[in-house]
Amino acid sequence: MNILIGNYYPAVFAYFYKNTSKYHQSKDLTQEVFIKMVSGISRYRPKASFKSWLFTIASNHLKNYYRLLSRHPEYLEISEDVPASETVVSEIEIKNDIKEALAHLPPEQKETIILRFYNDFTIKEISKITGAMETTVKARIRYGLEKLKKELEGYDEKGR
């Protein structure tokens, strides 16, 4: 079990962090997913990859988190201090621009793009993870990328 957690923890945490932009909340959500994974491992059937099964749990947990926020918006006001990292300033700025542009996307497009480009899932796998039809997944990616492009072009025009 520790090997599974060790192998997948960074990817699941990154998935939540890219979706929520909240470090500590992402840590909590990741822990909760692994608790669900451990308690539900007996129900896992290898018809899909383990990674897809785990990310289905994560996707459902993220949807529940967004539902909770919509009913209790006071949770949005909790500030978080993100640990400082030792990277080049221009790289940080680029990552921040992408992160900010992702934040402007609807949650479904954002999640789909993160699953596709950060976690390397196929359209078919994303469809199974999110419960959306493959054509819907493709549309979310297409429209999400178009919005990201417009957002990022806006950053270039602002001199970033």
C-alpha atoms as a PDB file:
ATOM      1  CA  MET A   1       0.000   0.000   0.000  1.00  0.00           C
ATOM      2  CA  ASN A   2       2.851   2.377   0.849  1.00  0.00           C
ATOM      3  CA  ILE A   3       4.310   1.872  -2.624  1.00  0.00           C
ATOM      4  CA  LEU A   4       1.021   2.888  -4.267  1.00  0.00           C
ATOM      5  CA  ILE A   5       0.766   5.963  -2.087  1.00  0.00           C
ATOM      6  CA  GLY A   6       4.406   6.862  -2.701  1.00  0.00           C
ATOM      7  CA  ASN A   7       4.012   6.477  -6.455  1.00  0.00           C
ATOM      8  CA  TYR A   8       0.766   8.397  -6.867  1.00  0.00           C
ATOM      9  CA  TYR A   9       0.749  10.961  -4.044  1.00  0.00           C
ATOM     10  CA  PRO A  10       2.663  13.659  -5.990  1.00  0.00           C
ATOM     11  CA  ALA A  11       0.386  13.366  -9.045  1.00  0.00           C
ATOM     12  CA  VAL A  12      -2.832  13.472  -7.001  1.00  0.00           C
ATOM     13  CA  PHE A  13      -1.564  16.417  -4.946  1.00  0.00           C
ATOM     14  CA  ALA A  14      -0.571  18.280  -8.133  1.00  0.00           C
ATOM     15  CA  TYR A  15      -4.018  17.577  -9.598  1.00  0.00           C
ATOM     16  CA  PHE A  16      -5.728  19.180  -6.580  1.00  0.00           C
ATOM     17  CA  TYR A  17      -3.258  22.041  -6.349  1.00  0.00           C
ATOM     18  CA  LYS A  18      -3.663  22.940 -10.016  1.00  0.00           C
ATOM     19  CA  ASN A  19      -7.449  22.834  -9.600  1.00  0.00           C
ATOM     20  CA  THR A  20      -7.752  24.724  -6.306  1.00  0.00           C
ATOM     21  CA  SER A  21      -4.541  26.809  -6.104  1.00  0.00           C
ATOM     22  CA  LYS A  22      -4.587  26.164  -2.357  1.00  0.00           C
ATOM     23  CA  TYR A  23      -1.589  24.329  -0.972  1.00  0.00           C
ATOM     24  CA  HIS A  24      -2.910  23.200   2.401  1.00  0.00           C
ATOM     25  CA  GLN A  25      -6.377  22.399   1.074  1.00  0.00           C
ATOM     26  CA  SER A  26      -4.763  20.316  -1.670  1.00  0.00           C
ATOM     27  CA  LYS A  27      -2.796  18.397   0.946  1.00  0.00           C
ATOM     28  CA  ASP A  28      -6.036  17.691   2.839  1.00  0.00           C
ATOM     29  CA  LEU A  29      -7.918  16.649  -0.298  1.00  0.00           C
ATOM     30  CA  THR A  30      -5.061  14.363  -1.310  1.00  0.00           C
ATOM     31  CA  GLN A  31      -5.006  12.704   2.104  1.00  0.00           C
ATOM     32  CA  GLU A  32      -8.776  12.190   1.928  1.00  0.00           C
ATOM     33  CA  VAL A  33      -8.478  10.551  -1.501  1.00  0.00           C
ATOM     34  CA  PHE A  34      -5.861   8.130  -0.240  1.00  0.00           C
ATOM     35  CA  ILE A  35      -8.041   7.266   2.754  1.00  0.00           C
ATOM     36  CA  LYS A  36     -10.858   6.517   0.289  1.00  0.00           C
ATOM     37  CA  MET A  37      -8.444   4.518  -1.853  1.00  0.00           C
ATOM     38  CA  VAL A  38      -7.312   2.383   1.084  1.00  0.00           C
ATOM     39  CA  SER A  39     -10.855   1.765   2.293  1.00  0.00           C
ATOM     40  CA  GLY A  40     -12.092   0.961  -1.232  1.00  0.00           C
ATOM     41  CA  ILE A  41      -9.152  -1.032  -2.575  1.00  0.00           C
ATOM     42  CA  SER A  42     -11.101  -4.289  -2.262  1.00  0.00           C
ATOM     43  CA  ARG A  43     -13.599  -2.913  -4.819  1.00  0.00           C
ATOM     44  CA  TYR A  44     -10.905  -2.132  -7.399  1.00  0.00           C
ATOM     45  CA  ARG A  45     -11.256  -4.276 -10.498  1.00  0.00           C
ATOM     46  CA  PRO A  46      -8.411  -4.092 -13.028  1.00  0.00           C
ATOM     47  CA  LYS A  47     -10.635  -3.342 -16.048  1.00  0.00           C
ATOM     48  CA  ALA A  48      -9.110   0.147 -16.074  1.00  0.00           C
ATOM     49  CA  SER A  49      -5.650   1.196 -14.962  1.00  0.00           C
ATOM     50  CA  PHE A  50      -5.118   1.795 -11.264  1.00  0.00           C
ATOM     51  CA  LYS A  51      -4.182   5.389 -12.034  1.00  0.00           C
ATOM     52  CA  SER A  52      -7.521   5.944 -13.809  1.00  0.00           C
ATOM     53  CA  TRP A  53      -9.395   4.373 -10.896  1.00  0.00           C
ATOM     54  CA  LEU A  54      -7.539   6.580  -8.396  1.00  0.00           C
ATOM     55  CA  PHE A  55      -8.142   9.723 -10.429  1.00  0.00           C
ATOM     56  CA  THR A  56     -11.840   8.865 -10.687  1.00  0.00           C
ATOM     57  CA  ILE A  57     -11.913   8.976  -6.892  1.00  0.00           C
ATOM     58  CA  ALA A  58      -9.992  12.275  -6.984  1.00  0.00           C
ATOM     59  CA  SER A  59     -12.306  13.761  -9.617  1.00  0.00           C
ATOM     60  CA  ASN A  60     -15.399  12.864  -7.603  1.00  0.00           C
ATOM     61  CA  HIS A  61     -13.781  14.250  -4.457  1.00  0.00           C
ATOM     62  CA  LEU A  62     -12.985  17.516  -6.274  1.00  0.00           C
ATOM     63  CA  LYS A  63     -16.630  17.813  -7.395  1.00  0.00           C
ATOM     64  CA  ASN A  64     -17.753  17.296  -3.794  1.00  0.00           C
ATOM     65  CA  TYR A  65     -15.286  19.972  -2.672  1.00  0.00           C
ATOM     66  CA  TYR A  66     -16.720  22.462  -5.193  1.00  0.00           C
ATOM     67  CA  ARG A  67     -20.267  21.606  -4.029  1.00  0.00           C
ATOM     68  CA  LEU A  68     -19.212  22.282  -0.453  1.00  0.00           C
ATOM     69  CA  LEU A  69     -17.729  25.645  -1.468  1.00  0.00           C
ATOM     70  CA  SER A  70     -20.907  26.633  -3.301  1.00  0.00           C
ATOM     71  CA  ARG A  71     -22.938  25.974  -0.138  1.00  0.00           C
ATOM     72  CA  HIS A  72     -20.349  27.444   2.253  1.00  0.00           C
ATOM     73  CA  PRO A  73     -18.482  30.264   0.466  1.00  0.00           C
ATOM     74  CA  GLU A  74     -16.874  31.330   3.751  1.00  0.00           C
ATOM     75  CA  TYR A  75     -14.311  28.552   3.173  1.00  0.00           C
ATOM     76  CA  LEU A  76     -12.946  30.591   0.251  1.00  0.00           C
ATOM     77  CA  GLU A  77     -11.810  33.319   2.637  1.00  0.00           C
ATOM     78  CA  ILE A  78      -9.284  31.101   4.401  1.00  0.00           C
ATOM     79  CA  SER A  79      -5.841  32.345   3.400  1.00  0.00           C
ATOM     80  CA  GLU A  80      -3.004  29.973   2.783  1.00  0.00           C
ATOM     81  CA  ASP A  81       0.723  30.460   2.908  1.00  0.00           C
ATOM     82  CA  VAL A  82       2.397  28.492   0.160  1.00  0.00           C
ATOM     83  CA  PRO A  83       5.916  27.307   0.867  1.00  0.00           C
ATOM     84  CA  ALA A  84       8.521  29.300  -1.029  1.00  0.00           C
ATOM     85  CA  SER A  85      10.370  27.498  -3.783  1.00  0.00           C
ATOM     86  CA  GLU A  86      13.884  28.031  -5.082  1.00  0.00           C
ATOM     87  CA  THR A  87      13.331  28.520  -8.830  1.00  0.00           C
ATOM     88  CA  VAL A  88      14.201  31.083 -11.430  1.00  0.00           C
ATOM     89  CA  VAL A  89      12.002  34.210 -11.341  1.00  0.00           C
ATOM     90  CA  SER A  90      11.005  34.057 -15.013  1.00  0.00           C
ATOM     91  CA  GLU A  91       9.952  30.413 -14.637  1.00  0.00           C
ATOM     92  CA  ILE A  92       7.837  31.357 -11.627  1.00  0.00           C
ATOM     93  CA  GLU A  93       6.211  34.183 -13.570  1.00  0.00           C
ATOM     94  CA  ILE A  94       5.332  31.868 -16.464  1.00  0.00           C
ATOM     95  CA  LYS A  95       3.891  29.274 -14.094  1.00  0.00           C
ATOM     96  CA  ASN A  96       1.938  31.972 -12.276  1.00  0.00           C
ATOM     97  CA  ASP A  97       0.537  33.283 -15.573  1.00  0.00           C
ATOM     98  CA  ILE A  98      -0.600  29.784 -16.533  1.00  0.00           C
ATOM     99  CA  LYS A  99      -1.989  29.173 -13.061  1.00  0.00           C
ATOM    100  CA  GLU A 100      -3.887  32.460 -13.166  1.00  0.00           C
ATOM    101  CA  ALA A 101      -5.196  31.736 -16.663  1.00  0.00           C
ATOM    102  CA  LEU A 102      -6.345  28.272 -15.543  1.00  0.00           C
ATOM    103  CA  ALA A 103      -8.181  29.889 -12.628  1.00  0.00           C
ATOM    104  CA  HIS A 104     -10.393  31.776 -15.109  1.00  0.00           C
ATOM    105  CA  LEU A 105     -11.643  28.572 -16.731  1.00  0.00           C
ATOM    106  CA  PRO A 106     -14.882  26.879 -15.697  1.00  0.00           C
ATOM    107  CA  PRO A 107     -14.119  23.983 -13.311  1.00  0.00           C
ATOM    108  CA  GLU A 108     -14.989  21.277 -15.876  1.00  0.00           C
ATOM    109  CA  GLN A 109     -12.633  22.709 -18.518  1.00  0.00           C
ATOM    110  CA  LYS A 110      -9.906  23.293 -15.957  1.00  0.00           C
ATOM    111  CA  GLU A 111     -10.118  19.743 -14.611  1.00  0.00           C
ATOM    112  CA  THR A 112     -10.127  18.253 -18.110  1.00  0.00           C
ATOM    113  CA  ILE A 113      -7.083  20.246 -19.227  1.00  0.00           C
ATOM    114  CA  ILE A 114      -5.178  19.330 -16.066  1.00  0.00           C
ATOM    115  CA  LEU A 115      -5.982  15.647 -16.515  1.00  0.00           C
ATOM    116  CA  ARG A 116      -4.936  15.760 -20.179  1.00  0.00           C
ATOM    117  CA  PHE A 117      -1.799  17.894 -20.137  1.00  0.00           C
ATOM    118  CA  TYR A 118      -0.471  17.569 -16.594  1.00  0.00           C
ATOM    119  CA  ASN A 119      -1.424  13.947 -15.902  1.00  0.00           C
ATOM    120  CA  ASP A 120      -1.206  12.596 -19.486  1.00  0.00           C
ATOM    121  CA  PHE A 121      -4.578  10.855 -19.525  1.00  0.00           C
ATOM    122  CA  THR A 122      -6.160  10.003 -22.864  1.00  0.00           C
ATOM    123  CA  ILE A 123      -9.557  11.356 -23.920  1.00  0.00           C
ATOM    124  CA  LYS A 124     -11.079   7.946 -23.210  1.00  0.00           C
ATOM    125  CA  GLU A 125      -9.530   7.792 -19.736  1.00  0.00           C
ATOM    126  CA  ILE A 126     -10.676  11.340 -18.927  1.00  0.00           C
ATOM    127  CA  SER A 127     -14.167  10.372 -20.053  1.00  0.00           C
ATOM    128  CA  LYS A 128     -14.195   7.463 -17.607  1.00  0.00           C
ATOM    129  CA  ILE A 129     -12.675   9.526 -14.787  1.00  0.00           C
ATOM    130  CA  THR A 130     -15.107  12.450 -15.087  1.00  0.00           C
ATOM    131  CA  GLY A 131     -18.163  10.543 -16.287  1.00  0.00           C
ATOM    132  CA  ALA A 132     -18.468  12.820 -19.343  1.00  0.00           C
ATOM    133  CA  MET A 133     -18.824  11.591 -22.909  1.00  0.00           C
ATOM    134  CA  GLU A 134     -15.661  11.614 -25.032  1.00  0.00           C
ATOM    135  CA  THR A 135     -17.107  14.322 -27.304  1.00  0.00           C
ATOM    136  CA  THR A 136     -17.757  16.461 -24.230  1.00  0.00           C
ATOM    137  CA  VAL A 137     -14.184  15.930 -23.046  1.00  0.00           C
ATOM    138  CA  LYS A 138     -12.839  16.958 -26.455  1.00  0.00           C
ATOM    139  CA  ALA A 139     -15.033  20.064 -26.451  1.00  0.00           C
ATOM    140  CA  ARG A 140     -13.930  21.019 -22.931  1.00  0.00           C
ATOM    141  CA  ILE A 141     -10.304  20.715 -23.980  1.00  0.00           C
ATOM    142  CA  ARG A 142     -10.805  22.690 -27.178  1.00  0.00           C
ATOM    143  CA  TYR A 143     -12.769  25.533 -25.582  1.00  0.00           C
ATOM    144  CA  GLY A 144     -10.529  25.547 -22.523  1.00  0.00           C
ATOM    145  CA  LEU A 145      -7.380  25.838 -24.652  1.00  0.00           C
ATOM    146  CA  GLU A 146      -8.959  28.656 -26.661  1.00  0.00           C
ATOM    147  CA  LYS A 147      -9.734  30.538 -23.435  1.00  0.00           C
ATOM    148  CA  LEU A 148      -6.236  29.880 -22.096  1.00  0.00           C
ATOM    149  CA  LYS A 149      -4.703  31.193 -25.303  1.00  0.00           C
ATOM    150  CA  LYS A 150      -6.730  34.414 -25.061  1.00  0.00           C
ATOM    151  CA  GLU A 151      -5.838  34.813 -21.392  1.00  0.00           C
ATOM    152  CA  LEU A 152      -2.132  34.238 -21.990  1.00  0.00           C
ATOM    153  CA  GLU A 153      -2.086  36.588 -24.988  1.00  0.00           C
ATOM    154  CA  GLY A 154      -3.552  39.185 -22.635  1.00  0.00           C
ATOM    155  CA  TYR A 155      -0.590  38.709 -20.303  1.00  0.00           C
ATOM    156  CA  ASP A 156       1.844  39.284 -23.183  1.00  0.00           C
ATOM    157  CA  GLU A 157       0.065  42.530 -24.072  1.00  0.00           C
ATOM    158  CA  LYS A 158       0.346  43.668 -20.452  1.00  0.00           C
ATOM    159  CA  GLY A 159       4.119  43.274 -20.648  1.00  0.00           C
ATOM    160  CA  ARG A 160       4.504  40.110 -18.604  1.00  0.00           C
END
